[in-house]
Protein backbone atom coordinates (compact mmCIF):
# COMPACT_ATOMS: atom_id res chain seq x y z
CA MET A 1 10.43 -31.74 44.27
CA PRO A 2 8.76 -32.64 40.94
CA THR A 3 7.50 -29.83 38.77
CA GLN A 4 3.73 -29.61 38.82
CA ALA A 5 2.05 -29.70 35.42
CA PRO A 6 0.11 -26.53 34.59
CA SER A 7 -3.64 -26.77 35.09
CA GLU A 8 -6.07 -26.56 32.18
CA ASN A 9 -7.08 -23.09 33.38
CA ALA A 10 -3.46 -21.96 33.36
CA LYS A 11 -3.01 -23.32 29.83
CA GLN A 12 -6.11 -21.48 28.69
CA GLU A 13 -4.88 -18.22 30.24
CA GLU A 14 -1.58 -18.58 28.42
CA ASN A 15 -3.43 -18.98 25.13
CA ILE A 16 -5.83 -16.04 25.47
CA ALA A 17 -3.94 -14.28 22.67
CA PHE A 18 -1.17 -16.09 20.90
CA LYS A 19 1.63 -14.43 19.00
CA VAL A 20 3.54 -15.58 15.95
CA PRO A 21 6.88 -14.43 17.44
CA ASP A 22 9.03 -14.12 14.33
CA LYS A 23 6.23 -12.56 12.26
CA GLY A 24 5.18 -9.68 14.50
CA VAL A 25 1.52 -10.66 14.14
CA PHE A 26 -0.94 -10.87 17.05
CA VAL A 27 -4.26 -12.70 16.60
CA SER A 28 -6.95 -14.39 18.65
CA GLU A 29 -6.37 -17.88 20.00
CA TYR A 30 -9.76 -18.98 18.73
CA ASN A 31 -8.55 -18.99 15.12
CA GLU A 32 -5.93 -21.55 16.08
CA GLN A 33 -8.32 -23.61 18.21
CA ILE A 34 -10.97 -23.88 15.51
CA PHE A 35 -8.63 -24.80 12.67
CA ARG A 36 -6.16 -26.90 14.67
CA ALA A 37 -7.59 -30.16 13.28
CA THR A 38 -8.01 -28.84 9.73
CA ARG A 39 -5.53 -30.15 7.18
CA MET A 40 -4.11 -27.22 5.28
CA PRO A 41 -1.18 -26.91 2.88
CA GLU A 42 2.15 -25.73 4.31
CA THR A 43 2.59 -23.31 1.43
CA VAL A 44 0.24 -21.60 -1.03
CA LYS A 45 1.13 -20.27 -4.46
CA ILE A 46 0.18 -16.72 -5.41
CA LEU A 47 -0.90 -15.95 -8.96
CA ASP A 48 -1.01 -12.20 -9.42
CA THR A 49 -3.30 -10.94 -12.17
CA THR A 50 -2.84 -7.19 -11.65
CA LEU A 51 -1.52 -6.86 -15.20
CA ARG A 52 -4.52 -8.69 -16.69
CA ASP A 53 -7.63 -8.64 -14.50
CA GLY A 54 -6.34 -5.59 -12.63
CA GLU A 55 -5.92 -3.63 -15.84
CA GLN A 56 -9.55 -4.41 -16.66
CA THR A 57 -10.44 -1.94 -13.91
CA PRO A 58 -12.53 0.78 -15.58
CA ASN A 59 -10.40 3.68 -16.88
CA VAL A 60 -7.08 1.90 -16.33
CA ALA A 61 -4.68 1.52 -19.28
CA LEU A 62 -1.03 0.76 -18.62
CA SER A 63 1.80 1.42 -21.05
CA ILE A 64 4.22 -1.37 -21.93
CA ASP A 65 6.94 0.25 -19.80
CA ASP A 66 4.58 0.57 -16.85
CA LYS A 67 3.59 -3.08 -17.15
CA LEU A 68 7.22 -4.10 -17.14
CA LYS A 69 7.87 -2.00 -14.01
CA ILE A 70 4.96 -3.65 -12.22
CA ALA A 71 6.04 -7.13 -13.34
CA GLN A 72 9.55 -6.54 -12.00
CA ALA A 73 8.10 -5.28 -8.71
CA LEU A 74 5.85 -8.35 -8.46
CA ASP A 75 8.85 -10.57 -9.11
CA GLU A 76 10.82 -8.89 -6.31
CA LEU A 77 7.74 -9.19 -4.08
CA GLY A 78 7.93 -12.97 -4.51
CA VAL A 79 4.85 -13.69 -6.61
CA ASP A 80 4.90 -17.29 -7.90
CA ILE A 81 2.98 -16.67 -11.14
CA ILE A 82 2.48 -13.38 -12.97
CA GLU A 83 -0.48 -13.34 -15.32
CA ALA A 84 1.11 -10.81 -17.65
CA GLY A 85 -1.80 -10.17 -19.98
CA PHE A 86 -4.09 -11.38 -22.75
CA PRO A 87 -1.73 -11.63 -25.77
CA VAL A 88 -4.36 -12.05 -28.49
CA ASN A 89 -6.13 -8.88 -27.34
CA SER A 90 -3.87 -6.45 -29.24
CA GLU A 91 -0.37 -5.96 -30.62
CA GLY A 92 0.52 -3.75 -27.66
CA GLU A 93 -0.73 -6.35 -25.20
CA ALA A 94 1.30 -9.07 -26.92
CA GLU A 95 4.41 -6.87 -26.91
CA ALA A 96 4.04 -6.20 -23.19
CA VAL A 97 3.68 -9.92 -22.41
CA LYS A 98 6.66 -10.69 -24.66
CA ARG A 99 8.88 -8.14 -22.89
CA ILE A 100 7.87 -9.42 -19.46
CA ALA A 101 8.58 -13.02 -20.51
CA ALA A 102 12.02 -11.94 -21.75
CA ALA A 103 12.88 -9.97 -18.61
CA GLY A 104 14.53 -12.90 -16.83
CA LEU A 105 12.12 -12.93 -13.90
CA LYS A 106 12.10 -15.65 -11.28
CA SER A 107 8.30 -15.76 -11.36
CA GLU A 108 6.46 -17.96 -13.84
CA VAL A 109 5.08 -15.73 -16.62
CA CYS A 110 1.57 -16.66 -17.75
CA GLY A 111 -0.62 -15.53 -20.64
CA LEU A 112 -4.42 -15.62 -20.63
CA CYS A 113 -6.17 -17.49 -23.47
CA ARG A 114 -9.64 -18.47 -24.46
CA ALA A 115 -10.12 -22.13 -25.42
CA SER A 116 -8.87 -21.27 -28.90
CA LYS A 117 -5.79 -22.21 -30.96
CA LEU A 118 -5.59 -18.60 -32.14
CA ASP A 119 -5.24 -17.37 -28.54
CA ILE A 120 -2.73 -20.07 -27.62
CA ASP A 121 -0.62 -19.32 -30.71
CA ALA A 122 -0.55 -15.64 -29.69
CA ALA A 123 0.73 -16.66 -26.26
CA LEU A 124 3.32 -18.98 -27.81
CA THR A 125 4.80 -16.10 -29.83
CA CYS A 126 5.35 -14.28 -26.53
CA ASP A 127 7.43 -17.19 -25.17
CA VAL A 128 5.47 -17.43 -21.91
CA ASP A 129 6.07 -20.20 -19.37
CA SER A 130 2.40 -21.04 -18.99
CA ILE A 131 -1.08 -20.27 -20.23
CA HIS A 132 -4.32 -19.80 -18.34
CA ILE A 133 -7.17 -21.06 -20.50
CA PHE A 134 -10.72 -20.09 -19.63
CA LEU A 135 -14.07 -21.28 -20.95
CA ALA A 136 -17.46 -20.48 -19.41
CA THR A 137 -19.43 -23.50 -18.18
CA SER A 138 -22.45 -22.10 -16.35
CA LYS A 139 -25.88 -22.52 -17.93
CA VAL A 140 -26.39 -18.80 -18.48
CA HIS A 141 -23.01 -18.41 -20.20
CA LEU A 142 -23.35 -21.49 -22.38
CA GLU A 143 -26.87 -20.64 -23.53
CA LYS A 144 -26.82 -16.84 -23.68
CA LYS A 145 -23.19 -15.93 -24.43
CA LEU A 146 -21.42 -18.84 -26.12
CA LYS A 147 -24.55 -20.53 -27.51
CA ILE A 148 -22.97 -23.99 -27.38
CA SER A 149 -23.95 -27.27 -25.72
CA ARG A 150 -22.26 -28.85 -22.72
CA GLY A 151 -20.74 -31.48 -24.98
CA GLU A 152 -19.25 -28.83 -27.24
CA ALA A 153 -17.84 -27.03 -24.21
CA VAL A 154 -16.08 -30.17 -23.00
CA GLU A 155 -14.66 -30.79 -26.48
CA LYS A 156 -13.36 -27.22 -26.77
CA ALA A 157 -11.75 -27.42 -23.33
CA VAL A 158 -10.00 -30.73 -24.04
CA THR A 159 -8.76 -29.59 -27.46
CA ALA A 160 -7.30 -26.38 -26.03
CA VAL A 161 -5.54 -28.12 -23.14
CA GLN A 162 -4.07 -30.76 -25.46
CA TYR A 163 -2.85 -28.06 -27.89
CA GLY A 164 -1.13 -26.17 -25.08
CA LYS A 165 0.51 -29.29 -23.69
CA ASP A 166 1.61 -30.42 -27.16
CA HIS A 167 3.51 -27.12 -27.43
CA GLY A 168 5.33 -27.59 -24.13
CA LEU A 169 3.37 -25.14 -22.00
CA ILE A 170 2.28 -25.37 -18.38
CA VAL A 171 -1.51 -25.22 -18.59
CA GLU A 172 -3.95 -23.90 -15.99
CA PHE A 173 -7.66 -24.09 -16.79
CA SER A 174 -10.65 -22.13 -15.48
CA CYS A 175 -14.29 -22.98 -15.92
CA GLU A 176 -15.46 -19.36 -16.03
CA ASP A 177 -18.43 -18.71 -13.74
CA GLY A 178 -17.51 -21.97 -12.05
CA THR A 179 -19.36 -21.27 -8.81
CA ARG A 180 -22.64 -20.96 -10.76
CA THR A 181 -21.96 -24.14 -12.74
CA ASP A 182 -23.73 -27.38 -11.88
CA LEU A 183 -21.23 -29.30 -9.73
CA GLU A 184 -21.74 -32.57 -11.59
CA PHE A 185 -21.00 -30.94 -14.95
CA LEU A 186 -18.06 -29.05 -13.46
CA ASN A 187 -16.52 -32.31 -12.31
CA THR A 188 -17.11 -33.77 -15.79
CA VAL A 189 -15.11 -30.92 -17.36
CA HIS A 190 -12.37 -31.23 -14.77
CA LYS A 191 -12.03 -34.98 -15.32
CA ALA A 192 -11.81 -34.49 -19.10
CA ILE A 193 -9.10 -31.82 -18.95
CA GLU A 194 -7.14 -33.85 -16.38
CA GLU A 195 -7.03 -36.70 -18.87
CA ALA A 196 -5.84 -34.18 -21.47
CA GLY A 197 -2.88 -33.29 -19.24
CA VAL A 198 -3.88 -30.05 -17.50
CA ASP A 199 -1.43 -28.98 -14.78
CA ARG A 200 -3.66 -26.85 -12.55
CA ILE A 201 -7.39 -26.19 -12.30
CA ASP A 202 -8.79 -22.87 -11.14
CA ILE A 203 -12.22 -22.39 -9.59
CA PRO A 204 -13.46 -18.86 -10.40
CA ASP A 205 -16.15 -17.08 -8.44
CA THR A 206 -16.52 -14.81 -11.47
CA VAL A 207 -19.23 -12.53 -10.13
CA GLY A 208 -18.48 -12.89 -6.43
CA VAL A 209 -21.64 -14.69 -5.39
CA MET A 210 -20.28 -17.26 -2.93
CA THR A 211 -20.24 -17.09 0.87
CA PRO A 212 -17.11 -18.34 2.66
CA GLN A 213 -18.90 -21.41 4.06
CA ALA A 214 -20.22 -22.33 0.62
CA MET A 215 -16.84 -21.70 -1.01
CA MET A 216 -15.04 -24.02 1.40
CA GLN A 217 -17.60 -26.76 0.84
CA PHE A 218 -17.60 -26.24 -2.93
CA VAL A 219 -13.82 -26.53 -3.22
CA SER A 220 -13.68 -29.53 -0.89
CA GLU A 221 -16.25 -31.37 -3.04
CA ILE A 222 -14.21 -30.69 -6.19
CA LYS A 223 -11.04 -31.75 -4.37
CA LYS A 224 -12.52 -35.23 -3.84
CA THR A 225 -12.55 -35.94 -7.59
CA THR A 226 -9.54 -33.91 -8.75
CA LYS A 227 -5.91 -34.97 -8.72
CA VAL A 228 -4.14 -31.80 -9.94
CA PRO A 229 -3.64 -28.72 -7.70
CA LEU A 230 -6.63 -26.41 -7.35
CA ALA A 231 -6.66 -22.60 -7.40
CA VAL A 232 -9.37 -20.07 -6.55
CA HIS A 233 -10.12 -16.79 -8.30
CA CYS A 234 -12.58 -14.63 -6.33
CA HIS A 235 -14.25 -11.34 -7.19
CA ASP A 236 -15.40 -8.75 -4.67
CA ASP A 237 -18.95 -7.92 -5.78
CA PHE A 238 -20.26 -8.58 -2.25
CA GLY A 239 -17.02 -7.67 -0.47
CA LEU A 240 -16.15 -11.32 0.19
CA SER A 241 -13.29 -11.98 -2.23
CA VAL A 242 -10.59 -12.28 0.45
CA ALA A 243 -12.81 -14.29 2.80
CA ASN A 244 -13.77 -16.63 -0.06
CA SER A 245 -10.13 -17.00 -1.10
CA LEU A 246 -9.15 -18.04 2.43
CA ALA A 247 -12.16 -20.36 2.56
CA GLY A 248 -11.02 -21.92 -0.71
CA ILE A 249 -7.68 -22.74 0.89
CA LEU A 250 -9.49 -24.36 3.81
CA GLY A 251 -11.40 -26.41 1.25
CA GLY A 252 -8.18 -27.73 -0.31
CA ALA A 253 -6.97 -25.17 -2.87
CA GLU A 254 -3.22 -24.62 -3.09
CA GLU A 255 -3.12 -21.46 -5.19
CA VAL A 256 -4.87 -18.07 -4.96
CA HIS A 257 -5.41 -15.53 -7.74
CA CYS A 258 -4.97 -11.96 -6.46
CA THR A 259 -4.35 -8.39 -7.55
CA ILE A 260 -2.44 -5.60 -5.85
CA ASN A 261 -4.84 -3.27 -3.99
CA GLY A 262 -7.75 -5.51 -5.04
CA LEU A 263 -7.92 -4.01 -8.53
CA GLY A 264 -10.13 -5.66 -11.12
CA GLU A 265 -13.39 -5.50 -13.02
CA ARG A 266 -16.43 -4.05 -11.26
CA ALA A 267 -15.72 -4.24 -7.50
CA GLY A 268 -12.32 -5.86 -8.09
CA ASN A 269 -10.50 -9.04 -7.11
CA ALA A 270 -9.10 -10.44 -3.88
CA ALA A 271 -6.34 -8.11 -2.66
CA LEU A 272 -2.96 -9.84 -2.55
CA GLU A 273 -1.83 -8.04 0.59
CA GLU A 274 -4.95 -9.09 2.52
CA VAL A 275 -4.89 -12.70 1.33
CA VAL A 276 -1.20 -13.17 2.12
CA MET A 277 -1.42 -11.66 5.60
CA GLY A 278 -4.60 -13.62 6.29
CA LEU A 279 -2.90 -16.89 5.35
CA GLN A 280 0.09 -16.06 7.53
CA ALA A 281 -1.72 -14.65 10.55
CA PHE A 282 -4.71 -16.95 10.84
CA TYR A 283 -3.45 -20.27 9.52
CA GLY A 284 0.35 -20.06 9.63
CA ILE A 285 0.48 -20.84 5.90
CA LYS A 286 3.61 -19.67 4.12
CA THR A 287 3.92 -17.93 0.76
CA ARG A 288 6.96 -16.69 -1.14
CA ILE A 289 5.82 -13.10 -0.66
CA ASN A 290 8.26 -10.68 0.98
CA THR A 291 5.62 -8.87 3.02
CA ARG A 292 7.93 -5.94 3.82
CA LYS A 293 7.69 -4.87 0.17
CA MET A 294 3.88 -4.82 0.10
CA ALA A 295 3.44 -1.12 0.83
CA PHE A 296 5.98 -0.17 -1.84
CA VAL A 297 4.33 -2.29 -4.54
CA SER A 298 0.91 -0.98 -3.50
CA ARG A 299 2.08 2.63 -3.96
CA LEU A 300 3.73 1.81 -7.29
CA VAL A 301 0.59 0.21 -8.70
CA SER A 302 -1.53 3.07 -7.40
CA GLN A 303 0.72 5.65 -9.05
CA LEU A 304 0.91 3.87 -12.41
CA THR A 305 -2.79 3.00 -12.64
CA GLY A 306 -4.04 6.30 -11.23
CA ILE A 307 -6.34 4.42 -8.84
CA ALA A 308 -5.93 5.77 -5.31
CA VAL A 309 -5.87 3.37 -2.39
CA GLN A 310 -8.72 4.16 -0.01
CA PRO A 311 -7.34 5.49 3.31
CA ASN A 312 -9.04 2.79 5.38
CA LYS A 313 -7.85 -0.04 3.11
CA ALA A 314 -6.61 -3.00 5.19
CA ILE A 315 -2.85 -3.60 5.41
CA VAL A 316 -1.62 -0.87 3.01
CA GLY A 317 -4.11 2.01 3.44
CA GLU A 318 -2.92 5.36 4.76
CA ASN A 319 -4.90 4.85 7.97
CA ALA A 320 -4.06 1.17 8.49
CA PHE A 321 -1.53 2.03 11.22
CA SER A 322 -2.70 5.56 12.09
CA HIS A 323 -3.98 6.39 15.56
CA GLU A 324 -5.81 9.49 16.78
CA ALA A 325 -7.98 8.48 19.75
CA GLY A 326 -6.18 9.21 23.02
CA ILE A 327 -6.93 5.81 24.53
CA HIS A 328 -5.55 4.04 21.47
CA VAL A 329 -2.40 6.14 21.30
CA HIS A 330 -1.70 5.56 25.00
CA GLY A 331 -2.15 1.82 24.50
CA VAL A 332 0.05 1.60 21.39
CA LEU A 333 2.81 3.63 23.03
CA SER A 334 2.76 1.16 25.92
CA GLU A 335 2.48 -2.01 23.80
CA SER A 336 1.74 -1.95 20.06
CA SER A 337 -0.36 -5.13 20.13
CA THR A 338 -3.02 -3.40 22.24
CA TYR A 339 -4.49 -1.76 19.13
CA GLU A 340 -2.47 -3.25 16.26
CA PRO A 341 -2.88 -6.88 15.11
CA MET A 342 0.51 -6.74 13.41
CA ARG A 343 3.58 -4.52 13.48
CA PRO A 344 3.55 -1.99 10.60
CA GLU A 345 7.11 -2.75 9.49
CA ILE A 346 6.01 -6.32 8.67
CA VAL A 347 4.15 -4.95 5.64
CA GLY A 348 6.51 -2.06 4.90
CA LYS A 349 4.45 0.62 6.68
CA GLU A 350 5.14 3.05 9.52
CA ARG A 351 3.04 3.83 12.55
CA VAL A 352 1.49 7.31 12.52
CA PHE A 353 -0.02 9.27 15.38
CA VAL A 354 -2.55 11.77 14.06
CA VAL A 355 -3.40 14.88 16.03
CA GLY A 356 -7.07 15.82 16.00
CA LYS A 357 -10.33 16.10 17.89
CA HIS A 358 -9.89 12.76 19.67
CA SER A 359 -6.24 13.21 20.62
CA GLY A 360 -5.02 13.14 24.18
CA VAL A 361 -1.89 14.34 25.92
CA HIS A 362 0.11 11.21 25.03
CA ALA A 363 -0.46 11.61 21.28
CA VAL A 364 0.49 15.29 21.28
CA GLN A 365 3.49 14.71 23.51
CA ASN A 366 4.76 11.89 21.28
CA LYS A 367 4.27 13.93 18.11
CA LEU A 368 6.09 16.96 19.54
CA LYS A 369 8.96 14.78 20.72
CA GLU A 370 9.49 13.77 17.08
CA TYR A 371 10.51 17.40 16.58
CA GLY A 372 12.56 17.54 19.75
CA LEU A 373 10.04 19.56 21.76
CA ASP A 374 9.51 18.60 25.40
CA LEU A 375 6.71 20.65 26.94
CA THR A 376 5.69 20.83 30.57
CA GLY A 377 2.49 19.17 31.71
CA ASP A 378 0.57 22.45 31.85
CA GLN A 379 1.84 23.49 28.43
CA LEU A 380 0.76 20.15 26.95
CA LYS A 381 -2.72 20.47 28.42
CA GLU A 382 -3.07 23.93 26.92
CA VAL A 383 -1.86 22.74 23.49
CA VAL A 384 -4.30 19.79 23.57
CA ALA A 385 -7.18 22.09 24.50
CA ARG A 386 -6.39 24.45 21.61
CA ILE A 387 -6.08 21.54 19.16
CA LYS A 388 -9.47 20.17 20.17
CA LYS A 389 -11.00 23.62 19.76
CA TYR A 390 -9.59 23.93 16.24
CA ALA A 391 -10.64 20.39 15.30
CA GLU A 392 -14.20 20.86 16.57
CA SER A 393 -14.56 23.84 14.25
CA GLY A 394 -13.85 21.49 11.33
CA LYS A 395 -10.17 22.33 10.89
CA LYS A 396 -7.73 19.53 10.14
CA LEU A 397 -4.35 20.12 11.77
CA ASP A 398 -1.13 18.94 10.16
CA ASP A 399 2.30 18.85 11.81
CA ALA A 400 3.14 22.42 10.80
CA GLU A 401 0.02 23.79 12.50
CA LEU A 402 0.56 21.65 15.60
CA LEU A 403 4.08 23.02 15.90
CA ALA A 404 2.79 26.56 15.45
CA VAL A 405 0.46 26.04 18.41
CA ALA A 406 3.25 24.47 20.49
CA TYR A 407 5.80 27.17 19.74
CA ASP A 408 3.21 29.83 20.43
CA GLU A 409 2.59 28.24 23.83
CA ILE A 410 6.25 27.96 24.86
CA SER A 411 7.48 31.26 23.46
CA GLU A 412 7.39 34.40 25.57
CA GLU A 413 8.38 36.48 22.58
CA LYS A 414 5.68 36.55 19.94
CA GLU A 415 7.73 38.63 17.52
CA PRO A 416 9.82 36.53 15.10
CA VAL A 417 13.56 36.61 15.71
CA ILE A 418 14.33 36.30 12.00
CA ARG A 419 12.64 38.76 9.63
CA LEU A 420 12.88 38.96 5.85
CA GLU A 421 13.67 42.58 4.88
CA GLU A 422 14.58 42.24 1.19
CA PHE A 423 14.26 39.49 -1.39
CA THR A 424 14.97 39.43 -5.14
CA VAL A 425 15.35 36.58 -7.60
CA PHE A 426 16.45 36.57 -11.25
CA THR A 427 15.79 33.73 -13.68
CA GLY A 428 15.17 33.24 -17.37
CA LEU A 429 16.31 31.51 -20.55
CA ASN A 430 20.08 30.93 -20.61
CA PHE A 431 20.38 32.65 -17.22
CA THR A 432 21.42 30.89 -14.02
CA PRO A 433 18.74 31.49 -11.37
CA THR A 434 20.16 33.87 -8.75
CA ALA A 435 18.58 35.01 -5.48
CA THR A 436 19.54 37.71 -2.98
CA VAL A 437 18.09 37.97 0.54
CA VAL A 438 18.48 40.43 3.38
CA LEU A 439 17.56 39.01 6.80
CA ASN A 440 17.33 40.76 10.13
CA ILE A 441 18.32 38.24 12.78
CA ASP A 442 17.50 39.77 16.15
CA GLY A 443 19.00 43.12 15.03
CA ASP A 444 21.89 41.59 13.06
CA VAL A 445 21.32 42.39 9.35
CA ARG A 446 22.77 39.81 6.95
CA ARG A 447 22.83 39.78 3.15
CA ALA A 448 23.57 36.78 0.93
CA SER A 449 23.31 35.83 -2.75
CA GLU A 450 23.33 32.35 -4.22
CA THR A 451 22.60 30.54 -7.49
CA GLY A 452 20.63 27.34 -7.90
CA VAL A 453 19.03 24.92 -10.33
CA GLY A 454 15.85 27.00 -10.12
CA PRO A 455 14.57 30.15 -8.42
CA ILE A 456 13.36 28.27 -5.33
CA ASP A 457 16.63 26.38 -4.93
CA ALA A 458 18.58 29.64 -5.30
CA SER A 459 16.36 31.43 -2.76
CA LEU A 460 16.63 28.71 -0.14
CA SER A 461 20.39 28.49 -0.66
CA ALA A 462 20.72 32.25 -0.11
CA ILE A 463 18.72 32.04 3.12
CA ARG A 464 20.88 29.17 4.33
CA THR A 465 24.04 31.14 3.58
CA ALA A 466 22.72 34.18 5.43
CA VAL A 467 21.73 32.23 8.54
CA SER A 468 23.90 29.12 8.92
CA LYS A 469 25.43 26.37 6.83
CA ASN A 470 24.30 23.95 9.54
CA ILE A 471 20.71 24.23 8.31
CA VAL A 472 19.54 21.23 6.29
CA LEU A 473 16.41 21.12 4.13
CA LYS A 474 14.69 17.88 5.20
CA GLN A 475 11.48 18.21 3.22
CA TYR A 476 9.84 20.52 0.71
CA ARG A 477 6.21 20.03 -0.27
CA LEU A 478 4.17 22.08 -2.74
CA GLU A 479 0.42 21.68 -3.19
CA ALA A 480 -1.99 23.60 -5.40
CA ILE A 481 -5.08 24.81 -3.55
CA THR A 482 -6.98 26.30 -6.50
CA GLY A 483 -6.81 25.91 -10.27
CA GLY A 484 -5.74 28.28 -13.01
CA SER A 485 -2.54 30.19 -13.74
CA ASN A 486 -3.11 32.39 -10.66
CA ALA A 487 -3.75 29.43 -8.38
CA LEU A 488 -3.04 29.64 -4.68
CA CYS A 489 -0.33 27.24 -3.54
CA GLU A 490 0.60 25.87 -0.13
CA VAL A 491 4.25 25.25 0.66
CA THR A 492 5.49 23.25 3.64
CA VAL A 493 9.20 23.27 4.52
CA LYS A 494 10.89 21.05 7.10
CA LEU A 495 14.34 22.16 8.30
CA GLY A 496 16.91 20.36 10.42
CA ASP A 497 20.31 20.96 11.95
CA CYS A 498 23.23 18.86 10.73
CA GLU A 499 24.86 19.12 14.18
CA ASP A 500 21.80 17.81 16.00
CA SER A 501 19.50 15.28 14.31
CA GLN A 502 16.84 15.92 16.97
CA LEU A 503 16.35 19.50 15.85
CA LEU A 504 13.47 19.72 13.36
CA ALA A 505 11.09 22.54 12.52
CA LEU A 506 8.24 23.01 10.07
CA GLY A 507 7.09 26.14 8.31
CA LYS A 508 4.04 26.66 6.13
CA SER A 509 2.82 29.48 3.91
CA VAL A 510 0.04 30.05 1.39
CA GLY A 511 0.25 32.42 -1.55
CA SER A 512 -0.10 32.89 -5.29
CA ASP A 513 3.65 33.13 -6.02
CA ILE A 514 5.46 29.81 -5.54
CA VAL A 515 8.90 31.35 -4.95
CA THR A 516 7.76 34.00 -2.46
CA THR A 517 5.56 31.50 -0.66
CA SER A 518 8.50 29.08 -0.40
CA VAL A 519 10.68 31.83 1.11
CA ASP A 520 7.98 32.77 3.64
CA ALA A 521 7.59 29.12 4.71
CA THR A 522 11.36 28.78 5.08
CA VAL A 523 11.63 31.90 7.26
CA GLU A 524 8.80 30.62 9.45
CA ALA A 525 10.59 27.26 9.86
CA LEU A 526 13.84 29.10 10.63
CA ASN A 527 12.23 31.00 13.47
CA ARG A 528 11.01 27.78 15.01
CA LEU A 529 14.37 26.09 14.52
CA TRP A 530 16.10 29.08 16.06
CA MET A 531 13.83 29.03 19.10
CA HIS A 532 14.45 25.33 19.55
CA LYS A 533 18.20 25.75 19.08
CA LEU A 534 18.27 28.26 21.91
CA GLY A 535 16.29 25.95 24.17
CA ALA A 536 13.11 28.03 24.35
CA ASN A 537 11.06 25.85 26.71
CA GLY A 538 9.24 28.71 28.39
CA ASP A 539 12.41 30.24 29.90
CA LYS A 540 13.92 33.43 28.60
CA VAL A 541 17.15 32.70 26.78
CA LYS A 542 19.67 35.26 25.65
CA ARG A 543 19.74 35.50 21.87
CA LYS A 544 23.03 34.83 20.15
CA ALA A 545 24.35 34.11 16.70
CA TYR A 546 23.24 30.75 15.34
């Protein structure tokens, strides 16, 4: 019997949401339907200008070593072109560009230049692969800033391009404020620099004033009269830099200028991570970017520039793959695509379930299972109710506090099994830090002394010796709550068991003495680990040596 062809309705049902199988990205079918007939490039080049335009972010100043670290990270990320800096700007800037150019990177290293022989000579001394020449062409820039005629602007542009090509450089050219330049004059400049041998032409939306529809049309008009590859450089003054960059690609551009985390002057530039994932998810356009390294590079740039990434930042923000609402958590636990358009590992992130006011049983249960706790249904309901009560009073619960609530619910014995009876620590110049602890473990008194690289290390080692060598310190976190030499600090300690990777426990303490507070947090974590080790799930268990 011949196989019946699927009906149109069946085909439509199959395509309600299509998946890019090997990418772990889930998007609407309508993106594909609308752009199916649009001719787009198979690949797009990424020019990253974090080290030039990104460093022009107010209050950002990178050292030469920091610039080199970022350049190496961008190279490993797979960036095609690294705009390393503006060599003529200062000796330090030139030295940074020179060191990046000499670092043996796979990426093309580019230096920014005005349409000036002086600037190009500065770039030549840095031994860059290419230069990015810019010259403003809009009426307001020509008349108010440069105070030159259109004819003089064309002459300066041609002379600069010819000079760069005569010295063996790859040359990219930008008509600064291009999107506010008369299109006829813009095409005149482009034609002149093409004849001079320019390799690439960039179209900058310098003050971010385009809409995506206008940007696509603008680039497509320029594409009609231009033979060399086009790039787009979009700013985020109206929050449209990424949308305009993608629209530029639809209009015929083959290169996008980006920065990590969207850094840049004023409101910043198009964020690399958003542009790359947009190209991949919506249009199936490839780049050389290793997306799994995005989160790492984002954190590195944030640390070195001192500019924090906003929590709700797309792709790499802290909350990008965080879920609190009970309905969302339930959905994601069943199938991640229900509330995630892409899998977090695709961009180097991890999924996080946050416990708070909107959490349900599934979120709390999943979080507790991470620490090996399996509560009964009634116990879970009680824990969820208590969490909501805390959250509604304005309190933000972290894992340590969630575990405290859970252990309190499952434990019939409120008194701690392990109590600190004595604690001393000695440290000083030319003296190895030494700590002594006396612990009462359910009536069994144990004493231990240990040395360490510091007083905290010595103290925690002594506690471990007194209790069990199976205890492993998984995490230690110290945060200052107040300022000054007598500041309050908050210490969080996560302990594990080397015999059972599922055994985890958190302890937290607040105090003015870092060492004492660390010991208190460790003892709290030990009590929870001990309870878990003995299988305290609401049933009385006979205490025994760890």
